[in-house]
């Protein structure tokens, strides 16, 4: 009897732990950091961690918006193109008017992103085009506008004012501003999704679109709203990208959209819609940033980095999936008893 109780207790703990993907991801990230630190001790320095946090913050900001869309059973493949276009347009404005206040620069980027996101939303809701097709089209269209607007030219560091270049990399309480901004955005998204009527409607739409309609949820408005929010976030991220890297290029953030999807899905956002958490997305972004920086510090050839990164991502997802299945089996046994 005692052994049965112990087994049930252990099973209960495992079930509770497995229900939280955040715990699994957090443990995996810690193990990965320790393993990389053993191979390359310089990875465990404070400066190295700041670089990891900068990369994770940039990815997390957009992954949060991407995750919100995926919860509604949609996807936005144009996020990197929106980021690149707003970064280029804002950089050109700053080069022409270097005395522009920083706050106006940020608001300009957010407004431009909002326009692009609204166009995505109109195509999907009013046009009835599937999200993956609509945003695949705007991915190319927005990237093409980057070339048209810039005429193929780049904005370099010496053409940008110092205040703008410090916008993302300046520090507050020892942390880069970009990391602080990412934390603030994460808190706002968490409150929005978990403590507002619109946030609950987003989950309801993703869980069962037909039931959501019957319940009186205006699914078209909710869908349009999440794409507008995504555009606003991408506009902000475009300003931060130009500030952090002190440049605006025609290939800015090329392919970055796949990383945002990966961070959201690894963080527990279901591609079937209806589920996902802000902490999970943050950990997913942190995991990808640790992998990327860890491979670089370890001196692994760039030709192998993508392969190793993909393998580690698959390992994390498979391990988590196995853990979840084990927990479900234990839970069913407990119910049977």
Foldseek 3Di string as FASTA:
>chain_A
DVVVVVVLVVLVVLLVQLVALLNLLVVLLVVLQVVLCVLFVVCPDPVNVLQLLLQLLLLLLLLLLQLLLLQLLAGALQLQLLLQLLLLVLLVVCLVPVVPDPVVSLVSLLVSLLVLLLVLLCCCQVVVDGRVVSNVVVNVVSLVVSCVVCVQDKQAQVSHDPVLLQCQQPDDPRHGNSSVVSVVSLVVSQCPLPPDPLNVLSLVSLVPVVVSVVVVHPSSVSSSVSSSVSSSSSSNSSSNQCSPRVMRGSCGCPVVSVLSVLLQVLLPRDSSHNDGHSSSSSSSSSSLSSLQSSCVSSVPDPVCSVVVSVVSSVVSVVVSVVSNVSSVVSVVVVVVD
